[in-house]
């Protein structure tokens, strides 16, 4: 036990000395350790690169070596001819044909709109754009072709009822009015608004009849007066048409009854 303690003390003194070096050292021989390896590409990425790899097109035959393909002339089906005939009747029998865009309105909303328009004798017609584009180029309504884009409907009536149509469409915001053909005149939305502000034909005819009746009554009342009074009015009117009156010689003379002569 004593010998072991003495050996431990001696070894402790030898190893704690700063100038002491071991007699043997281990030296490692061989290649350096590689710490970075390239990871293999994922299988999905390999497949994606293989699918998206650019493949140049094969050179085609020289120009003129092959005969041109004959163009196929497609004949119109019976359904297409029937729809075109119906569309032609719509434009021929109605004075107002308006085009509106249907923006995802439900069947219930469309049924309600039909009921409201029918009160004013305005009908709703559906035609595919393929039919309208085939009919319009050869008709007098060819300028309406740009209106038929997307889902569209036709609002037709035998009499121009633009005001009633606009009032009814206010309750259906999903129906947007694009344009119309009223009395063979193509109108935009703004043109339809201005047309709706015009008086009706009945009102214009009443105003014309009243104005003609008023003029006739004035003439009759003038003829029923004394002949001397009528002669004086005619003389005054002749003086107004004479050259002296035009040059201003008789400008100081006041007419006797200018208002009645008018």
C-alpha atoms as a PDB file:
ATOM      1  CA  UNK A   1       0.000   0.000   0.000  1.00  0.00           C
ATOM      2  CA  UNK A   2       2.842   2.287   0.753  1.00  0.00           C
ATOM      3  CA  UNK A   3       4.570   1.478  -2.506  1.00  0.00           C
ATOM      4  CA  UNK A   4       1.356   2.281  -4.383  1.00  0.00           C
ATOM      5  CA  UNK A   5       1.067   5.681  -2.685  1.00  0.00           C
ATOM      6  CA  UNK A   6       4.665   6.500  -3.482  1.00  0.00           C
ATOM      7  CA  UNK A   7       4.184   5.558  -7.159  1.00  0.00           C
ATOM      8  CA  UNK A   8       1.071   7.699  -7.400  1.00  0.00           C
ATOM      9  CA  UNK A   9       2.840  10.681  -5.856  1.00  0.00           C
ATOM     10  CA  UNK A  10       5.793  10.325  -8.246  1.00  0.00           C
ATOM     11  CA  UNK A  11       3.548  10.057 -11.303  1.00  0.00           C
ATOM     12  CA  UNK A  12       1.571  13.098 -10.173  1.00  0.00           C
ATOM     13  CA  UNK A  13       4.698  15.180  -9.916  1.00  0.00           C
ATOM     14  CA  UNK A  14       5.955  14.026 -13.327  1.00  0.00           C
ATOM     15  CA  UNK A  15       2.660  14.718 -15.221  1.00  0.00           C
ATOM     16  CA  UNK A  16       2.090  18.118 -13.571  1.00  0.00           C
ATOM     17  CA  UNK A  17       5.400  19.389 -14.864  1.00  0.00           C
ATOM     18  CA  UNK A  18       4.783  21.843 -17.752  1.00  0.00           C
ATOM     19  CA  UNK A  19       7.951  20.887 -19.647  1.00  0.00           C
ATOM     20  CA  UNK A  20       7.208  17.187 -19.723  1.00  0.00           C
ATOM     21  CA  UNK A  21       6.241  15.592 -23.065  1.00  0.00           C
ATOM     22  CA  UNK A  22       5.180  12.021 -23.699  1.00  0.00           C
ATOM     23  CA  UNK A  23       7.823   9.775 -25.141  1.00  0.00           C
ATOM     24  CA  UNK A  24       5.510   8.383 -27.858  1.00  0.00           C
ATOM     25  CA  UNK A  25       2.848  10.136 -29.934  1.00  0.00           C
ATOM     26  CA  UNK A  26       0.120   8.575 -32.088  1.00  0.00           C
ATOM     27  CA  UNK A  27       0.122   9.825 -35.689  1.00  0.00           C
ATOM     28  CA  UNK A  28      -2.937   9.238 -37.902  1.00  0.00           C
ATOM     29  CA  UNK A  29      -2.157   8.141 -41.430  1.00  0.00           C
ATOM     30  CA  UNK A  30      -4.613   7.998 -44.384  1.00  0.00           C
ATOM     31  CA  UNK A  31      -6.995  10.313 -46.323  1.00  0.00           C
ATOM     32  CA  UNK A  32      -8.707  13.264 -44.758  1.00  0.00           C
ATOM     33  CA  UNK A  33     -12.235  12.872 -43.464  1.00  0.00           C
ATOM     34  CA  UNK A  34     -14.950  14.162 -45.895  1.00  0.00           C
ATOM     35  CA  UNK A  35     -17.730  15.911 -44.012  1.00  0.00           C
ATOM     36  CA  UNK A  36     -19.844  17.199 -46.995  1.00  0.00           C
ATOM     37  CA  UNK A  37     -21.489  14.731 -49.336  1.00  0.00           C
ATOM     38  CA  UNK A  38     -23.844  15.676 -52.208  1.00  0.00           C
ATOM     39  CA  UNK A  39     -27.335  14.529 -51.393  1.00  0.00           C
ATOM     40  CA  UNK A  40     -29.056  12.412 -54.010  1.00  0.00           C
ATOM     41  CA  UNK A  41     -31.870  14.153 -55.928  1.00  0.00           C
ATOM     42  CA  UNK A  42     -35.368  13.326 -54.825  1.00  0.00           C
ATOM     43  CA  UNK A  43     -37.240  10.926 -57.059  1.00  0.00           C
ATOM     44  CA  UNK A  44     -40.148  13.394 -57.621  1.00  0.00           C
ATOM     45  CA  UNK A  45     -37.732  16.101 -58.701  1.00  0.00           C
ATOM     46  CA  UNK A  46     -36.058  13.683 -61.107  1.00  0.00           C
ATOM     47  CA  UNK A  47     -39.428  12.842 -62.644  1.00  0.00           C
ATOM     48  CA  UNK A  48     -40.370  16.534 -62.920  1.00  0.00           C
ATOM     49  CA  UNK A  49     -37.110  17.390 -64.674  1.00  0.00           C
ATOM     50  CA  UNK A  50     -37.560  14.442 -67.009  1.00  0.00           C
ATOM     51  CA  UNK A  51     -41.095  15.519 -67.922  1.00  0.00           C
ATOM     52  CA  UNK A  52     -40.230  19.207 -68.407  1.00  0.00           C
ATOM     53  CA  UNK A  53     -37.078  18.564 -70.391  1.00  0.00           C
ATOM     54  CA  UNK A  54     -37.050  20.520 -73.629  1.00  0.00           C
ATOM     55  CA  UNK A  55     -37.429  18.354 -76.695  1.00  0.00           C
ATOM     56  CA  UNK A  56     -36.872  20.200 -79.982  1.00  0.00           C
ATOM     57  CA  UNK A  57     -39.567  19.551 -82.591  1.00  0.00           C
ATOM     58  CA  UNK A  58     -38.818  17.343 -85.486  1.00  0.00           C
ATOM     59  CA  UNK A  59     -38.246  19.166 -88.756  1.00  0.00           C
ATOM     60  CA  UNK A  60     -41.316  19.060 -90.950  1.00  0.00           C
ATOM     61  CA  UNK A  61     -41.484  18.372 -94.651  1.00  0.00           C
ATOM     62  CA  UNK A  62     -40.364  21.140 -96.999  1.00  0.00           C
ATOM     63  CA  UNK A  63     -42.916  23.660 -98.164  1.00  0.00           C
ATOM     64  CA  UNK A  64     -44.755  22.537-101.252  1.00  0.00           C
ATOM     65  CA  UNK A  65     -43.973  18.865-100.899  1.00  0.00           C
ATOM     66  CA  UNK A  66     -47.447  18.050 -99.536  1.00  0.00           C
ATOM     67  CA  UNK A  67     -50.758  18.916-101.104  1.00  0.00           C
ATOM     68  CA  UNK A  68     -52.973  21.310 -99.067  1.00  0.00           C
ATOM     69  CA  UNK A  69     -55.745  19.738 -97.077  1.00  0.00           C
ATOM     70  CA  UNK A  70     -59.217  20.292 -98.480  1.00  0.00           C
ATOM     71  CA  UNK A  71     -61.345  22.615 -96.375  1.00  0.00           C
ATOM     72  CA  UNK A  72     -64.375  21.009 -94.843  1.00  0.00           C
ATOM     73  CA  UNK A  73     -67.581  22.889 -95.488  1.00  0.00           C
ATOM     74  CA  UNK A  74     -69.923  22.412 -92.562  1.00  0.00           C
ATOM     75  CA  UNK A  75     -73.583  22.481 -93.423  1.00  0.00           C
ATOM     76  CA  UNK A  76     -76.064  24.135 -91.106  1.00  0.00           C
ATOM     77  CA  UNK A  77     -78.150  21.760 -89.085  1.00  0.00           C
ATOM     78  CA  UNK A  78     -81.923  21.813 -89.105  1.00  0.00           C
ATOM     79  CA  UNK A  79     -82.042  23.274 -85.605  1.00  0.00           C
ATOM     80  CA  UNK A  80     -79.753  26.127 -86.666  1.00  0.00           C
ATOM     81  CA  UNK A  81     -81.994  27.010 -89.601  1.00  0.00           C
ATOM     82  CA  UNK A  82     -85.107  26.986 -87.407  1.00  0.00           C
ATOM     83  CA  UNK A  83     -83.498  29.261 -84.813  1.00  0.00           C
ATOM     84  CA  UNK A  84     -82.305  31.681 -87.493  1.00  0.00           C
ATOM     85  CA  UNK A  85     -85.820  31.815 -88.923  1.00  0.00           C
ATOM     86  CA  UNK A  86     -87.259  32.562 -85.473  1.00  0.00           C
ATOM     87  CA  UNK A  87     -84.660  35.286 -84.901  1.00  0.00           C
ATOM     88  CA  UNK A  88     -85.509  36.854 -88.249  1.00  0.00           C
ATOM     89  CA  UNK A  89     -89.202  36.914 -87.289  1.00  0.00           C
ATOM     90  CA  UNK A  90     -88.315  38.584 -83.983  1.00  0.00           C
ATOM     91  CA  UNK A  91     -86.516  41.451 -85.737  1.00  0.00           C
ATOM     92  CA  UNK A  92     -89.213  41.756 -88.410  1.00  0.00           C
ATOM     93  CA  UNK A  93     -92.309  41.727 -86.190  1.00  0.00           C
ATOM     94  CA  UNK A  94     -91.055  43.893 -83.283  1.00  0.00           C
ATOM     95  CA  UNK A  95     -90.203  47.584 -83.248  1.00  0.00           C
ATOM     96  CA  UNK A  96     -88.040  47.299 -80.128  1.00  0.00           C
ATOM     97  CA  UNK A  97     -85.327  44.629 -79.749  1.00  0.00           C
ATOM     98  CA  UNK A  98     -83.075  45.243 -76.725  1.00  0.00           C
ATOM     99  CA  UNK A  99     -79.975  43.233 -75.814  1.00  0.00           C
ATOM    100  CA  UNK A 100     -79.170  42.649 -72.131  1.00  0.00           C
ATOM    101  CA  UNK A 101     -76.414  40.675 -70.415  1.00  0.00           C
ATOM    102  CA  UNK A 102     -77.476  38.031 -67.930  1.00  0.00           C
ATOM    103  CA  UNK A 103     -75.019  37.982 -65.016  1.00  0.00           C
ATOM    104  CA  UNK A 104     -75.744  34.732 -63.189  1.00  0.00           C
ATOM    105  CA  UNK A 105     -79.397  35.319 -62.411  1.00  0.00           C
ATOM    106  CA  UNK A 106     -81.301  32.416 -60.914  1.00  0.00           C
ATOM    107  CA  UNK A 107     -84.297  30.743 -62.511  1.00  0.00           C
ATOM    108  CA  UNK A 108     -86.613  32.320 -59.939  1.00  0.00           C
ATOM    109  CA  UNK A 109     -85.303  35.835 -60.678  1.00  0.00           C
ATOM    110  CA  UNK A 110     -85.677  35.286 -64.412  1.00  0.00           C
ATOM    111  CA  UNK A 111     -89.251  34.040 -63.977  1.00  0.00           C
ATOM    112  CA  UNK A 112     -90.095  37.115 -61.897  1.00  0.00           C
ATOM    113  CA  UNK A 113     -88.544  39.400 -64.522  1.00  0.00           C
ATOM    114  CA  UNK A 114     -90.586  37.746 -67.278  1.00  0.00           C
ATOM    115  CA  UNK A 115     -93.768  38.274 -65.275  1.00  0.00           C
ATOM    116  CA  UNK A 116     -93.005  41.977 -64.715  1.00  0.00           C
ATOM    117  CA  UNK A 117     -92.145  42.603 -68.361  1.00  0.00           C
ATOM    118  CA  UNK A 118     -95.192  40.751 -69.616  1.00  0.00           C
ATOM    119  CA  UNK A 119     -97.406  43.331 -67.890  1.00  0.00           C
ATOM    120  CA  UNK A 120     -96.034  45.891 -70.396  1.00  0.00           C
ATOM    121  CA  UNK A 121     -96.282  43.449 -73.335  1.00  0.00           C
ATOM    122  CA  UNK A 122     -92.491  42.910 -73.389  1.00  0.00           C
ATOM    123  CA  UNK A 123     -91.223  39.385 -73.932  1.00  0.00           C
ATOM    124  CA  UNK A 124     -87.900  37.737 -73.086  1.00  0.00           C
ATOM    125  CA  UNK A 125     -86.310  35.597 -75.798  1.00  0.00           C
ATOM    126  CA  UNK A 126     -83.214  33.373 -75.592  1.00  0.00           C
ATOM    127  CA  UNK A 127     -80.984  32.690 -78.602  1.00  0.00           C
ATOM    128  CA  UNK A 128     -77.466  31.196 -78.573  1.00  0.00           C
ATOM    129  CA  UNK A 129     -74.716  33.573 -79.649  1.00  0.00           C
ATOM    130  CA  UNK A 130     -73.792  31.122 -82.388  1.00  0.00           C
ATOM    131  CA  UNK A 131     -77.198  31.703 -83.980  1.00  0.00           C
ATOM    132  CA  UNK A 132     -77.095  35.493 -83.686  1.00  0.00           C
ATOM    133  CA  UNK A 133     -73.558  35.699 -85.101  1.00  0.00           C
ATOM    134  CA  UNK A 134     -74.648  33.575 -88.055  1.00  0.00           C
ATOM    135  CA  UNK A 135     -77.752  35.699 -88.715  1.00  0.00           C
ATOM    136  CA  UNK A 136     -76.576  39.293 -88.150  1.00  0.00           C
ATOM    137  CA  UNK A 137     -73.766  39.625 -90.769  1.00  0.00           C
ATOM    138  CA  UNK A 138     -76.203  39.152 -93.671  1.00  0.00           C
ATOM    139  CA  UNK A 139     -78.986  41.323 -92.215  1.00  0.00           C
ATOM    140  CA  UNK A 140     -79.576  45.096 -91.836  1.00  0.00           C
ATOM    141  CA  UNK A 141     -78.837  44.686 -88.109  1.00  0.00           C
ATOM    142  CA  UNK A 142     -75.184  43.734 -88.563  1.00  0.00           C
ATOM    143  CA  UNK A 143     -74.013  46.596 -86.323  1.00  0.00           C
ATOM    144  CA  UNK A 144     -75.549  44.845 -83.296  1.00  0.00           C
ATOM    145  CA  UNK A 145     -73.076  41.930 -83.520  1.00  0.00           C
ATOM    146  CA  UNK A 146     -70.634  43.342 -80.873  1.00  0.00           C
ATOM    147  CA  UNK A 147     -73.444  43.341 -78.285  1.00  0.00           C
ATOM    148  CA  UNK A 148     -73.769  39.561 -78.284  1.00  0.00           C
ATOM    149  CA  UNK A 149     -70.856  38.670 -75.992  1.00  0.00           C
ATOM    150  CA  UNK A 150     -71.346  36.193 -73.170  1.00  0.00           C
ATOM    151  CA  UNK A 151     -74.762  35.146 -71.852  1.00  0.00           C
ATOM    152  CA  UNK A 152     -77.302  37.515 -73.419  1.00  0.00           C
ATOM    153  CA  UNK A 153     -81.086  37.772 -73.643  1.00  0.00           C
ATOM    154  CA  UNK A 154     -83.426  39.699 -75.945  1.00  0.00           C
ATOM    155  CA  UNK A 155     -86.205  41.979 -74.676  1.00  0.00           C
ATOM    156  CA  UNK A 156     -88.680  42.461 -77.526  1.00  0.00           C
ATOM    157  CA  UNK A 157     -91.982  44.289 -77.918  1.00  0.00           C
ATOM    158  CA  UNK A 158     -94.165  45.240 -80.852  1.00  0.00           C
ATOM    159  CA  UNK A 159     -94.237  48.879 -79.735  1.00  0.00           C
ATOM    160  CA  UNK A 160     -91.292  50.946 -78.452  1.00  0.00           C
ATOM    161  CA  UNK A 161     -91.625  50.831 -74.665  1.00  0.00           C
ATOM    162  CA  UNK A 162     -88.185  51.926 -73.532  1.00  0.00           C
ATOM    163  CA  UNK A 163     -89.397  53.734 -70.412  1.00  0.00           C
ATOM    164  CA  UNK A 164     -91.349  50.735 -69.089  1.00  0.00           C
ATOM    165  CA  UNK A 165     -88.418  48.443 -69.811  1.00  0.00           C
ATOM    166  CA  UNK A 166     -85.949  50.634 -67.911  1.00  0.00           C
ATOM    167  CA  UNK A 167     -88.261  50.938 -64.911  1.00  0.00           C
ATOM    168  CA  UNK A 168     -88.694  47.149 -64.791  1.00  0.00           C
ATOM    169  CA  UNK A 169     -84.962  46.417 -65.093  1.00  0.00           C
ATOM    170  CA  UNK A 170     -84.215  48.543 -62.024  1.00  0.00           C
ATOM    171  CA  UNK A 171     -85.448  45.677 -59.866  1.00  0.00           C
ATOM    172  CA  UNK A 172     -83.065  43.199 -61.538  1.00  0.00           C
ATOM    173  CA  UNK A 173     -79.461  44.408 -61.028  1.00  0.00           C
ATOM    174  CA  UNK A 174     -78.065  41.183 -62.512  1.00  0.00           C
ATOM    175  CA  UNK A 175     -79.537  42.134 -65.917  1.00  0.00           C
ATOM    176  CA  UNK A 176     -77.395  44.824 -67.597  1.00  0.00           C
ATOM    177  CA  UNK A 177     -78.829  46.595 -70.625  1.00  0.00           C
ATOM    178  CA  UNK A 178     -76.277  46.847 -73.474  1.00  0.00           C
ATOM    179  CA  UNK A 179     -78.172  48.407 -76.368  1.00  0.00           C
ATOM    180  CA  UNK A 180     -81.297  48.204 -78.468  1.00  0.00           C
ATOM    181  CA  UNK A 181     -82.727  48.582 -81.942  1.00  0.00           C
ATOM    182  CA  UNK A 182     -85.798  50.845 -81.762  1.00  0.00           C
ATOM    183  CA  UNK A 183     -87.646  51.791 -84.957  1.00  0.00           C
ATOM    184  CA  UNK A 184     -84.704  50.529 -87.062  1.00  0.00           C
ATOM    185  CA  UNK A 185     -82.283  52.776 -85.165  1.00  0.00           C
ATOM    186  CA  UNK A 186     -79.384  51.334 -83.159  1.00  0.00           C
ATOM    187  CA  UNK A 187     -79.151  52.956 -79.711  1.00  0.00           C
ATOM    188  CA  UNK A 188     -76.678  52.568 -76.875  1.00  0.00           C
ATOM    189  CA  UNK A 189     -77.676  52.481 -73.211  1.00  0.00           C
ATOM    190  CA  UNK A 190     -77.396  56.267 -72.980  1.00  0.00           C
ATOM    191  CA  UNK A 191     -79.413  56.608 -76.174  1.00  0.00           C
ATOM    192  CA  UNK A 192     -82.166  54.434 -74.694  1.00  0.00           C
ATOM    193  CA  UNK A 193     -82.259  56.652 -71.583  1.00  0.00           C
ATOM    194  CA  UNK A 194     -82.652  59.764 -73.734  1.00  0.00           C
ATOM    195  CA  UNK A 195     -85.258  58.064 -75.917  1.00  0.00           C
ATOM    196  CA  UNK A 196     -87.319  57.144 -72.855  1.00  0.00           C
ATOM    197  CA  UNK A 197     -87.585  60.842 -71.918  1.00  0.00           C
ATOM    198  CA  UNK A 198     -89.284  61.741 -75.210  1.00  0.00           C
ATOM    199  CA  UNK A 199     -93.091  62.180 -75.167  1.00  0.00           C
ATOM    200  CA  UNK A 200     -95.217  59.428 -76.597  1.00  0.00           C
ATOM    201  CA  UNK A 201     -96.698  59.553 -80.096  1.00  0.00           C
ATOM    202  CA  UNK A 202    -100.183  60.104 -78.680  1.00  0.00           C
ATOM    203  CA  UNK A 203     -99.000  63.149 -76.737  1.00  0.00           C
ATOM    204  CA  UNK A 204     -97.260  64.632 -79.782  1.00  0.00           C
ATOM    205  CA  UNK A 205    -100.319  64.076 -81.938  1.00  0.00           C
ATOM    206  CA  UNK A 206    -102.539  65.741 -79.315  1.00  0.00           C
ATOM    207  CA  UNK A 207    -100.247  68.783 -79.137  1.00  0.00           C
ATOM    208  CA  UNK A 208    -100.209  69.069 -82.933  1.00  0.00           C
ATOM    209  CA  UNK A 209    -103.989  68.847 -83.178  1.00  0.00           C
ATOM    210  CA  UNK A 210    -104.440  71.438 -80.424  1.00  0.00           C
ATOM    211  CA  UNK A 211    -102.047  73.884 -82.109  1.00  0.00           C
ATOM    212  CA  UNK A 212    -103.807  73.480 -85.477  1.00  0.00           C
ATOM    213  CA  UNK A 213    -107.202  73.917 -83.822  1.00  0.00           C
ATOM    214  CA  UNK A 214    -106.023  77.103 -82.086  1.00  0.00           C
ATOM    215  CA  UNK A 215    -104.781  78.602 -85.360  1.00  0.00           C
ATOM    216  CA  UNK A 216    -108.009  77.684 -87.102  1.00  0.00           C
ATOM    217  CA  UNK A 217    -110.123  79.214 -84.344  1.00  0.00           C
ATOM    218  CA  UNK A 218    -108.127  82.455 -84.506  1.00  0.00           C
ATOM    219  CA  UNK A 219    -108.592  82.618 -88.265  1.00  0.00           C
ATOM    220  CA  UNK A 220    -112.327  82.012 -87.940  1.00  0.00           C
ATOM    221  CA  UNK A 221    -112.673  84.678 -85.244  1.00  0.00           C
ATOM    222  CA  UNK A 222    -110.724  87.118 -87.424  1.00  0.00           C
ATOM    223  CA  UNK A 223    -112.921  86.479 -90.450  1.00  0.00           C
ATOM    224  CA  UNK A 224    -116.087  86.992 -88.405  1.00  0.00           C
ATOM    225  CA  UNK A 225    -115.147  90.600 -87.589  1.00  0.00           C
ATOM    226  CA  UNK A 226    -116.180  93.695 -89.559  1.00  0.00           C
ATOM    227  CA  UNK A 227    -114.867  93.883 -93.166  1.00  0.00           C
ATOM    228  CA  UNK A 228    -113.369  97.300 -92.523  1.00  0.00           C
ATOM    229  CA  UNK A 229    -111.261  95.941 -89.670  1.00  0.00           C
ATOM    230  CA  UNK A 230    -110.067  93.044 -91.837  1.00  0.00           C
ATOM    231  CA  UNK A 231    -109.239  95.443 -94.679  1.00  0.00           C
ATOM    232  CA  UNK A 232    -107.155  97.604 -92.331  1.00  0.00           C
ATOM    233  CA  UNK A 233    -105.196  94.589 -91.147  1.00  0.00           C
ATOM    234  CA  UNK A 234    -104.512  93.470 -94.712  1.00  0.00           C
ATOM    235  CA  UNK A 235    -103.324  96.945 -95.703  1.00  0.00           C
ATOM    236  CA  UNK A 236    -100.998  97.055 -92.735  1.00  0.00           C
ATOM    237  CA  UNK A 237     -99.609  93.642 -93.649  1.00  0.00           C
ATOM    238  CA  UNK A 238     -99.034  94.826 -97.241  1.00  0.00           C
ATOM    239  CA  UNK A 239     -97.144  97.857 -95.964  1.00  0.00           C
ATOM    240  CA  UNK A 240     -94.894  95.640 -93.905  1.00  0.00           C
ATOM    241  CA  UNK A 241     -93.993  93.656 -97.011  1.00  0.00           C
ATOM    242  CA  UNK A 242     -93.359  96.754 -99.194  1.00  0.00           C
ATOM    243  CA  UNK A 243     -89.727  97.898 -99.926  1.00  0.00           C
ATOM    244  CA  UNK A 244     -90.271 101.220 -98.120  1.00  0.00           C
ATOM    245  CA  UNK A 245     -91.060  99.384 -94.934  1.00  0.00           C
ATOM    246  CA  UNK A 246     -87.992  97.120 -95.381  1.00  0.00           C
ATOM    247  CA  UNK A 247     -85.658 100.176 -95.733  1.00  0.00           C
ATOM    248  CA  UNK A 248     -87.062 101.770 -92.600  1.00  0.00           C
ATOM    249  CA  UNK A 249     -89.107 104.643 -94.107  1.00  0.00           C
ATOM    250  CA  UNK A 250     -92.243 103.563 -92.356  1.00  0.00           C
ATOM    251  CA  UNK A 251     -90.578 102.370 -89.179  1.00  0.00           C
ATOM    252  CA  UNK A 252     -92.179 105.176 -87.166  1.00  0.00           C
ATOM    253  CA  UNK A 253     -95.679 104.127 -88.157  1.00  0.00           C
ATOM    254  CA  UNK A 254     -97.093 101.762 -85.565  1.00  0.00           C
ATOM    255  CA  UNK A 255     -99.423  99.032 -86.806  1.00  0.00           C
ATOM    256  CA  UNK A 256    -103.003  99.330 -85.746  1.00  0.00           C
ATOM    257  CA  UNK A 257    -103.517  95.693 -84.682  1.00  0.00           C
ATOM    258  CA  UNK A 258    -100.187  93.818 -84.886  1.00  0.00           C
ATOM    259  CA  UNK A 259    -101.106  91.188 -82.376  1.00  0.00           C
ATOM    260  CA  UNK A 260    -104.321  90.224 -84.068  1.00  0.00           C
ATOM    261  CA  UNK A 261    -102.652  90.102 -87.481  1.00  0.00           C
ATOM    262  CA  UNK A 262    -100.133  87.660 -86.117  1.00  0.00           C
END
